[in-house]
Amino acid sequence: FKFTVYIPDNYPDGECPRVVFDIPVFHPLVDPVSGE
């Protein structure tokens, strides 16, 4: 599973980094549309 990590520009004082899969994986914790 390939993915991309998006880090907020105010790191490390902002929100946690985001993980988005290139292709949405069938998983309860993965958004079926965005793959996040």
ModelCIF file with pLDDT and N, C-alpha, C, O atoms, coordinates in Angstrom:
data_MODEL
#
_entry.id   MODEL 
#
_entity.id                         1 
_entity.type                       polymer 
_entity.pdbx_number_of_molecules   1 
#
_entity_poly.entity_id                      1 
_entity_poly.type                           'polypeptide(L)' 
_entity_poly.nstd_linkage                   no 
_entity_poly.nstd_monomer                   no 
_entity_poly.pdbx_seq_one_letter_code       FKFTVYIPDNYPDGECPRVVFDIPVFHPLVDPVSGE 
_entity_poly.pdbx_seq_one_letter_code_can   FKFTVYIPDNYPDGECPRVVFDIPVFHPLVDPVSGE 
_entity_poly.pdbx_strand_id                 A 
#
loop_
_entity_poly_seq.entity_id 
_entity_poly_seq.num 
_entity_poly_seq.mon_id 
_entity_poly_seq.hetero 
1 1  PHE n 
1 2  LYS n 
1 3  PHE n 
1 4  THR n 
1 5  VAL n 
1 6  TYR n 
1 7  ILE n 
1 8  PRO n 
1 9  ASP n 
1 10 ASN n 
1 11 TYR n 
1 12 PRO n 
1 13 ASP n 
1 14 GLY n 
1 15 GLU n 
1 16 CYS n 
1 17 PRO n 
1 18 ARG n 
1 19 VAL n 
1 20 VAL n 
1 21 PHE n 
1 22 ASP n 
1 23 ILE n 
1 24 PRO n 
1 25 VAL n 
1 26 PHE n 
1 27 HIS n 
1 28 PRO n 
1 29 LEU n 
1 30 VAL n 
1 31 ASP n 
1 32 PRO n 
1 33 VAL n 
1 34 SER n 
1 35 GLY n 
1 36 GLU n 
#
_struct_asym.id          A 
_struct_asym.entity_id   1 
#
loop_
_ma_qa_metric.id 
_ma_qa_metric.mode 
_ma_qa_metric.name 
_ma_qa_metric.software_group_id 
_ma_qa_metric.type 
1 global pLDDT . pLDDT 
2 local  pLDDT . pLDDT 
#
_ma_qa_metric_global.metric_id      1 
_ma_qa_metric_global.metric_value   94.61 
_ma_qa_metric_global.model_id       1 
_ma_qa_metric_global.ordinal_id     1 
#
loop_
_ma_qa_metric_local.label_asym_id 
_ma_qa_metric_local.label_comp_id 
_ma_qa_metric_local.label_seq_id 
_ma_qa_metric_local.metric_id 
_ma_qa_metric_local.metric_value 
_ma_qa_metric_local.model_id 
_ma_qa_metric_local.ordinal_id 
A PHE 1  2 97.00 1 1  
A LYS 2  2 96.00 1 2  
A PHE 3  2 97.00 1 3  
A THR 4  2 96.00 1 4  
A VAL 5  2 97.00 1 5  
A TYR 6  2 96.00 1 6  
A ILE 7  2 95.00 1 7  
A PRO 8  2 92.00 1 8  
A ASP 9  2 89.00 1 9  
A ASN 10 2 89.00 1 10 
A TYR 11 2 90.00 1 11 
A PRO 12 2 87.00 1 12 
A ASP 13 2 87.00 1 13 
A GLY 14 2 86.00 1 14 
A GLU 15 2 91.00 1 15 
A CYS 16 2 93.00 1 16 
A PRO 17 2 95.00 1 17 
A ARG 18 2 96.00 1 18 
A VAL 19 2 97.00 1 19 
A VAL 20 2 97.00 1 20 
A PHE 21 2 97.00 1 21 
A ASP 22 2 95.00 1 22 
A ILE 23 2 95.00 1 23 
A PRO 24 2 96.00 1 24 
A VAL 25 2 97.00 1 25 
A PHE 26 2 97.00 1 26 
A HIS 27 2 97.00 1 27 
A PRO 28 2 97.00 1 28 
A LEU 29 2 97.00 1 29 
A VAL 30 2 97.00 1 30 
A ASP 31 2 97.00 1 31 
A PRO 32 2 96.00 1 32 
A VAL 33 2 96.00 1 33 
A SER 34 2 96.00 1 34 
A GLY 35 2 96.00 1 35 
A GLU 36 2 97.00 1 36 
#
loop_
_atom_site.group_PDB 
_atom_site.id 
_atom_site.type_symbol 
_atom_site.label_atom_id 
_atom_site.label_alt_id 
_atom_site.label_comp_id 
_atom_site.label_asym_id 
_atom_site.label_entity_id 
_atom_site.label_seq_id 
_atom_site.pdbx_PDB_ins_code 
_atom_site.Cartn_x 
_atom_site.Cartn_y 
_atom_site.Cartn_z 
_atom_site.occupancy 
_atom_site.B_iso_or_equiv 
_atom_site.pdbx_formal_charge 
_atom_site.auth_seq_id 
_atom_site.auth_comp_id 
_atom_site.auth_asym_id 
_atom_site.auth_atom_id 
_atom_site.pdbx_PDB_model_num 
ATOM 1   N N  . PHE A 1 1  ? 0.838   -1.189 0.000  1.00 97.00 ? 1  PHE A N  1 
ATOM 2   C CA . PHE A 1 1  ? 0.000   0.000  0.000  1.00 97.00 ? 1  PHE A CA 1 
ATOM 3   C C  . PHE A 1 1  ? 0.882   1.252  0.000  1.00 97.00 ? 1  PHE A C  1 
ATOM 4   O O  . PHE A 1 1  ? 1.615   1.517  0.953  1.00 97.00 ? 1  PHE A O  1 
ATOM 5   N N  . LYS A 1 2  ? 0.791   2.002  -1.082 1.00 96.00 ? 2  LYS A N  1 
ATOM 6   C CA . LYS A 1 2  ? 1.516   3.267  -1.157 1.00 96.00 ? 2  LYS A CA 1 
ATOM 7   C C  . LYS A 1 2  ? 0.668   4.371  -0.520 1.00 96.00 ? 2  LYS A C  1 
ATOM 8   O O  . LYS A 1 2  ? -0.560  4.377  -0.616 1.00 96.00 ? 2  LYS A O  1 
ATOM 9   N N  . PHE A 1 3  ? 1.363   5.296  0.129  1.00 97.00 ? 3  PHE A N  1 
ATOM 10  C CA . PHE A 1 3  ? 0.649   6.370  0.832  1.00 97.00 ? 3  PHE A CA 1 
ATOM 11  C C  . PHE A 1 3  ? 1.491   7.634  0.811  1.00 97.00 ? 3  PHE A C  1 
ATOM 12  O O  . PHE A 1 3  ? 2.656   7.618  0.414  1.00 97.00 ? 3  PHE A O  1 
ATOM 13  N N  . THR A 1 4  ? 0.882   8.723  1.243  1.00 96.00 ? 4  THR A N  1 
ATOM 14  C CA . THR A 1 4  ? 1.552   10.016 1.345  1.00 96.00 ? 4  THR A CA 1 
ATOM 15  C C  . THR A 1 4  ? 1.278   10.594 2.726  1.00 96.00 ? 4  THR A C  1 
ATOM 16  O O  . THR A 1 4  ? 0.146   10.568 3.207  1.00 96.00 ? 4  THR A O  1 
ATOM 17  N N  . VAL A 1 5  ? 2.315   11.112 3.352  1.00 97.00 ? 5  VAL A N  1 
ATOM 18  C CA . VAL A 1 5  ? 2.188   11.767 4.657  1.00 97.00 ? 5  VAL A CA 1 
ATOM 19  C C  . VAL A 1 5  ? 2.186   13.274 4.436  1.00 97.00 ? 5  VAL A C  1 
ATOM 20  O O  . VAL A 1 5  ? 3.103   13.821 3.823  1.00 97.00 ? 5  VAL A O  1 
ATOM 21  N N  . TYR A 1 6  ? 1.158   13.933 4.935  1.00 96.00 ? 6  TYR A N  1 
ATOM 22  C CA . TYR A 1 6  ? 1.056   15.391 4.831  1.00 96.00 ? 6  TYR A CA 1 
ATOM 23  C C  . TYR A 1 6  ? 1.293   15.980 6.224  1.00 96.00 ? 6  TYR A C  1 
ATOM 24  O O  . TYR A 1 6  ? 0.554   15.689 7.165  1.00 96.00 ? 6  TYR A O  1 
ATOM 25  N N  . ILE A 1 7  ? 2.329   16.809 6.343  1.00 95.00 ? 7  ILE A N  1 
ATOM 26  C CA . ILE A 1 7  ? 2.721   17.390 7.626  1.00 95.00 ? 7  ILE A CA 1 
ATOM 27  C C  . ILE A 1 7  ? 2.268   18.842 7.669  1.00 95.00 ? 7  ILE A C  1 
ATOM 28  O O  . ILE A 1 7  ? 2.517   19.577 6.713  1.00 95.00 ? 7  ILE A O  1 
ATOM 29  N N  . PRO A 1 8  ? 1.608   19.289 8.744  1.00 92.00 ? 8  PRO A N  1 
ATOM 30  C CA . PRO A 1 8  ? 1.152   20.685 8.812  1.00 92.00 ? 8  PRO A CA 1 
ATOM 31  C C  . PRO A 1 8  ? 2.328   21.655 8.811  1.00 92.00 ? 8  PRO A C  1 
ATOM 32  O O  . PRO A 1 8  ? 3.411   21.340 9.305  1.00 92.00 ? 8  PRO A O  1 
ATOM 33  N N  . ASP A 1 9  ? 2.095   22.851 8.243  1.00 89.00 ? 9  ASP A N  1 
ATOM 34  C CA . ASP A 1 9  ? 3.190   23.811 8.100  1.00 89.00 ? 9  ASP A CA 1 
ATOM 35  C C  . ASP A 1 9  ? 3.597   24.453 9.415  1.00 89.00 ? 9  ASP A C  1 
ATOM 36  O O  . ASP A 1 9  ? 4.617   25.139 9.466  1.00 89.00 ? 9  ASP A O  1 
ATOM 37  N N  . ASN A 1 10 ? 2.828   24.252 10.485 1.00 89.00 ? 10 ASN A N  1 
ATOM 38  C CA . ASN A 1 10 ? 3.226   24.769 11.794 1.00 89.00 ? 10 ASN A CA 1 
ATOM 39  C C  . ASN A 1 10 ? 3.723   23.643 12.704 1.00 89.00 ? 10 ASN A C  1 
ATOM 40  O O  . ASN A 1 10 ? 3.677   23.746 13.930 1.00 89.00 ? 10 ASN A O  1 
ATOM 41  N N  . TYR A 1 11 ? 4.192   22.577 12.079 1.00 90.00 ? 11 TYR A N  1 
ATOM 42  C CA . TYR A 1 11 ? 4.730   21.447 12.842 1.00 90.00 ? 11 TYR A CA 1 
ATOM 43  C C  . TYR A 1 11 ? 5.929   21.914 13.684 1.00 90.00 ? 11 TYR A C  1 
ATOM 44  O O  . TYR A 1 11 ? 6.740   22.699 13.193 1.00 90.00 ? 11 TYR A O  1 
ATOM 45  N N  . PRO A 1 12 ? 6.062   21.460 14.921 1.00 87.00 ? 12 PRO A N  1 
ATOM 46  C CA . PRO A 1 12 ? 5.275   20.417 15.602 1.00 87.00 ? 12 PRO A CA 1 
ATOM 47  C C  . PRO A 1 12 ? 4.208   20.959 16.544 1.00 87.00 ? 12 PRO A C  1 
ATOM 48  O O  . PRO A 1 12 ? 3.801   20.270 17.480 1.00 87.00 ? 12 PRO A O  1 
ATOM 49  N N  . ASP A 1 13 ? 3.749   22.188 16.307 1.00 87.00 ? 13 ASP A N  1 
ATOM 50  C CA . ASP A 1 13 ? 2.782   22.798 17.213 1.00 87.00 ? 13 ASP A CA 1 
ATOM 51  C C  . ASP A 1 13 ? 1.342   22.676 16.737 1.00 87.00 ? 13 ASP A C  1 
ATOM 52  O O  . ASP A 1 13 ? 0.429   23.140 17.420 1.00 87.00 ? 13 ASP A O  1 
ATOM 53  N N  . GLY A 1 14 ? 1.122   22.060 15.578 1.00 86.00 ? 14 GLY A N  1 
ATOM 54  C CA . GLY A 1 14 ? -0.226  21.973 15.047 1.00 86.00 ? 14 GLY A CA 1 
ATOM 55  C C  . GLY A 1 14 ? -0.853  20.608 15.256 1.00 86.00 ? 14 GLY A C  1 
ATOM 56  O O  . GLY A 1 14 ? -0.603  19.926 16.251 1.00 86.00 ? 14 GLY A O  1 
ATOM 57  N N  . GLU A 1 15 ? -1.670  20.232 14.294 1.00 91.00 ? 15 GLU A N  1 
ATOM 58  C CA . GLU A 1 15 ? -2.327  18.936 14.351 1.00 91.00 ? 15 GLU A CA 1 
ATOM 59  C C  . GLU A 1 15 ? -1.346  17.838 13.951 1.00 91.00 ? 15 GLU A C  1 
ATOM 60  O O  . GLU A 1 15 ? -0.231  18.095 13.498 1.00 91.00 ? 15 GLU A O  1 
ATOM 61  N N  . CYS A 1 16 ? -1.814  16.599 14.140 1.00 93.00 ? 16 CYS A N  1 
ATOM 62  C CA . CYS A 1 16 ? -0.957  15.470 13.784 1.00 93.00 ? 16 CYS A CA 1 
ATOM 63  C C  . CYS A 1 16 ? -0.884  15.341 12.264 1.00 93.00 ? 16 CYS A C  1 
ATOM 64  O O  . CYS A 1 16 ? -1.807  15.772 11.574 1.00 93.00 ? 16 CYS A O  1 
ATOM 65  N N  . PRO A 1 17 ? 0.182   14.763 11.728 1.00 95.00 ? 17 PRO A N  1 
ATOM 66  C CA . PRO A 1 17 ? 0.290   14.556 10.277 1.00 95.00 ? 17 PRO A CA 1 
ATOM 67  C C  . PRO A 1 17 ? -0.819  13.651 9.768  1.00 95.00 ? 17 PRO A C  1 
ATOM 68  O O  . PRO A 1 17 ? -1.363  12.835 10.512 1.00 95.00 ? 17 PRO A O  1 
ATOM 69  N N  . ARG A 1 18 ? -1.149  13.805 8.490  1.00 96.00 ? 18 ARG A N  1 
ATOM 70  C CA . ARG A 1 18 ? -2.184  13.010 7.853  1.00 96.00 ? 18 ARG A CA 1 
ATOM 71  C C  . ARG A 1 18 ? -1.561  11.931 6.984  1.00 96.00 ? 18 ARG A C  1 
ATOM 72  O O  . ARG A 1 18 ? -0.508  12.139 6.382  1.00 96.00 ? 18 ARG A O  1 
ATOM 73  N N  . VAL A 1 19 ? -2.214  10.782 6.922  1.00 97.00 ? 19 VAL A N  1 
ATOM 74  C CA . VAL A 1 19 ? -1.766  9.667  6.085  1.00 97.00 ? 19 VAL A CA 1 
ATOM 75  C C  . VAL A 1 19 ? -2.881  9.351  5.094  1.00 97.00 ? 19 VAL A C  1 
ATOM 76  O O  . VAL A 1 19 ? -4.005  9.039  5.488  1.00 97.00 ? 19 VAL A O  1 
ATOM 77  N N  . VAL A 1 20 ? -2.559  9.434  3.807  1.00 97.00 ? 20 VAL A N  1 
ATOM 78  C CA . VAL A 1 20 ? -3.540  9.201  2.751  1.00 97.00 ? 20 VAL A CA 1 
ATOM 79  C C  . VAL A 1 20 ? -2.998  8.132  1.812  1.00 97.00 ? 20 VAL A C  1 
ATOM 80  O O  . VAL A 1 20 ? -1.919  8.299  1.242  1.00 97.00 ? 20 VAL A O  1 
ATOM 81  N N  . PHE A 1 21 ? -3.730  7.042  1.645  1.00 97.00 ? 21 PHE A N  1 
ATOM 82  C CA . PHE A 1 21 ? -3.320  5.979  0.734  1.00 97.00 ? 21 PHE A CA 1 
ATOM 83  C C  . PHE A 1 21 ? -3.640  6.372  -0.707 1.00 97.00 ? 21 PHE A C  1 
ATOM 84  O O  . PHE A 1 21 ? -4.655  7.012  -0.982 1.00 97.00 ? 21 PHE A O  1 
ATOM 85  N N  . ASP A 1 22 ? -2.762  5.977  -1.608 1.00 95.00 ? 22 ASP A N  1 
ATOM 86  C CA . ASP A 1 22 ? -2.977  6.310  -3.013 1.00 95.00 ? 22 ASP A CA 1 
ATOM 87  C C  . ASP A 1 22 ? -4.275  5.703  -3.526 1.00 95.00 ? 22 ASP A C  1 
ATOM 88  O O  . ASP A 1 22 ? -5.019  6.345  -4.267 1.00 95.00 ? 22 ASP A O  1 
ATOM 89  N N  . ILE A 1 23 ? -4.542  4.460  -3.127 1.00 95.00 ? 23 ILE A N  1 
ATOM 90  C CA . ILE A 1 23 ? -5.793  3.785  -3.466 1.00 95.00 ? 23 ILE A CA 1 
ATOM 91  C C  . ILE A 1 23 ? -6.472  3.408  -2.154 1.00 95.00 ? 23 ILE A C  1 
ATOM 92  O O  . ILE A 1 23 ? -5.859  2.733  -1.327 1.00 95.00 ? 23 ILE A O  1 
ATOM 93  N N  . PRO A 1 24 ? -7.715  3.822  -1.939 1.00 96.00 ? 24 PRO A N  1 
ATOM 94  C CA . PRO A 1 24 ? -8.396  3.516  -0.681 1.00 96.00 ? 24 PRO A CA 1 
ATOM 95  C C  . PRO A 1 24 ? -8.431  2.012  -0.400 1.00 96.00 ? 24 PRO A C  1 
ATOM 96  O O  . PRO A 1 24 ? -8.904  1.226  -1.220 1.00 96.00 ? 24 PRO A O  1 
ATOM 97  N N  . VAL A 1 25 ? -7.926  1.633  0.763  1.00 97.00 ? 25 VAL A N  1 
ATOM 98  C CA . VAL A 1 25 ? -7.910  0.232  1.186  1.00 97.00 ? 25 VAL A CA 1 
ATOM 99  C C  . VAL A 1 25 ? -9.211  -0.063 1.921  1.00 97.00 ? 25 VAL A C  1 
ATOM 100 O O  . VAL A 1 25 ? -9.713  0.767  2.679  1.00 97.00 ? 25 VAL A O  1 
ATOM 101 N N  . PHE A 1 26 ? -9.751  -1.260 1.685  1.00 97.00 ? 26 PHE A N  1 
ATOM 102 C CA . PHE A 1 26 ? -10.981 -1.651 2.376  1.00 97.00 ? 26 PHE A CA 1 
ATOM 103 C C  . PHE A 1 26 ? -10.638 -1.945 3.826  1.00 97.00 ? 26 PHE A C  1 
ATOM 104 O O  . PHE A 1 26 ? -10.160 -3.028 4.165  1.00 97.00 ? 26 PHE A O  1 
ATOM 105 N N  . HIS A 1 27 ? -10.892 -0.959 4.671  1.00 97.00 ? 27 HIS A N  1 
ATOM 106 C CA . HIS A 1 27 ? -10.535 -1.054 6.081  1.00 97.00 ? 27 HIS A CA 1 
ATOM 107 C C  . HIS A 1 27 ? -11.457 -0.147 6.879  1.00 97.00 ? 27 HIS A C  1 
ATOM 108 O O  . HIS A 1 27 ? -11.818 0.928  6.400  1.00 97.00 ? 27 HIS A O  1 
ATOM 109 N N  . PRO A 1 28 ? -11.850 -0.551 8.087  1.00 97.00 ? 28 PRO A N  1 
ATOM 110 C CA . PRO A 1 28 ? -12.769 0.293  8.872  1.00 97.00 ? 28 PRO A CA 1 
ATOM 111 C C  . PRO A 1 28 ? -12.234 1.690  9.157  1.00 97.00 ? 28 PRO A C  1 
ATOM 112 O O  . PRO A 1 28 ? -13.025 2.621  9.311  1.00 97.00 ? 28 PRO A O  1 
ATOM 113 N N  . LEU A 1 29 ? -10.930 1.864  9.232  1.00 97.00 ? 29 LEU A N  1 
ATOM 114 C CA . LEU A 1 29 ? -10.360 3.162  9.590  1.00 97.00 ? 29 LEU A CA 1 
ATOM 115 C C  . LEU A 1 29 ? -9.856  3.952  8.398  1.00 97.00 ? 29 LEU A C  1 
ATOM 116 O O  . LEU A 1 29 ? -9.193  4.975  8.567  1.00 97.00 ? 29 LEU A O  1 
ATOM 117 N N  . VAL A 1 30 ? -10.162 3.490  7.194  1.00 97.00 ? 30 VAL A N  1 
ATOM 118 C CA . VAL A 1 30 ? -9.721  4.192  5.980  1.00 97.00 ? 30 VAL A CA 1 
ATOM 119 C C  . VAL A 1 30 ? -10.949 4.710  5.244  1.00 97.00 ? 30 VAL A C  1 
ATOM 120 O O  . VAL A 1 30 ? -11.885 3.963  4.961  1.00 97.00 ? 30 VAL A O  1 
ATOM 121 N N  . ASP A 1 31 ? -10.924 6.005  4.941  1.00 97.00 ? 31 ASP A N  1 
ATOM 122 C CA . ASP A 1 31 ? -12.042 6.599  4.215  1.00 97.00 ? 31 ASP A CA 1 
ATOM 123 C C  . ASP A 1 31 ? -12.140 5.967  2.827  1.00 97.00 ? 31 ASP A C  1 
ATOM 124 O O  . ASP A 1 31 ? -11.157 5.980  2.086  1.00 97.00 ? 31 ASP A O  1 
ATOM 125 N N  . PRO A 1 32 ? -13.313 5.405  2.450  1.00 96.00 ? 32 PRO A N  1 
ATOM 126 C CA . PRO A 1 32 ? -13.421 4.704  1.156  1.00 96.00 ? 32 PRO A CA 1 
ATOM 127 C C  . PRO A 1 32 ? -13.339 5.628  -0.046 1.00 96.00 ? 32 PRO A C  1 
ATOM 128 O O  . PRO A 1 32 ? -13.151 5.151  -1.165 1.00 96.00 ? 32 PRO A O  1 
ATOM 129 N N  . VAL A 1 33 ? -13.474 6.922  0.143  1.00 96.00 ? 33 VAL A N  1 
ATOM 130 C CA . VAL A 1 33 ? -13.436 7.864  -0.975 1.00 96.00 ? 33 VAL A CA 1 
ATOM 131 C C  . VAL A 1 33 ? -12.066 8.541  -1.078 1.00 96.00 ? 33 VAL A C  1 
ATOM 132 O O  . VAL A 1 33 ? -11.430 8.513  -2.132 1.00 96.00 ? 33 VAL A O  1 
ATOM 133 N N  . SER A 1 34 ? -11.621 9.145  0.021  1.00 96.00 ? 34 SER A N  1 
ATOM 134 C CA . SER A 1 34 ? -10.361 9.898  -0.011 1.00 96.00 ? 34 SER A CA 1 
ATOM 135 C C  . SER A 1 34 ? -9.136  9.025  0.247  1.00 96.00 ? 34 SER A C  1 
ATOM 136 O O  . SER A 1 34 ? -8.022  9.387  -0.133 1.00 96.00 ? 34 SER A O  1 
ATOM 137 N N  . GLY A 1 35 ? -9.338  7.877  0.892  1.00 96.00 ? 35 GLY A N  1 
ATOM 138 C CA . GLY A 1 35 ? -8.213  7.011  1.236  1.00 96.00 ? 35 GLY A CA 1 
ATOM 139 C C  . GLY A 1 35 ? -7.445  7.454  2.460  1.00 96.00 ? 35 GLY A C  1 
ATOM 140 O O  . GLY A 1 35 ? -6.375  6.914  2.741  1.00 96.00 ? 35 GLY A O  1 
ATOM 141 N N  . GLU A 1 36 ? -7.965  8.431  3.200  1.00 97.00 ? 36 GLU A N  1 
ATOM 142 C CA . GLU A 1 36 ? -7.261  8.932  4.377  1.00 97.00 ? 36 GLU A CA 1 
ATOM 143 C C  . GLU A 1 36 ? -7.466  8.004  5.570  1.00 97.00 ? 36 GLU A C  1 
ATOM 144 O O  . GLU A 1 36 ? -6.944  8.267  6.654  1.00 97.00 ? 36 GLU A O  1 
#
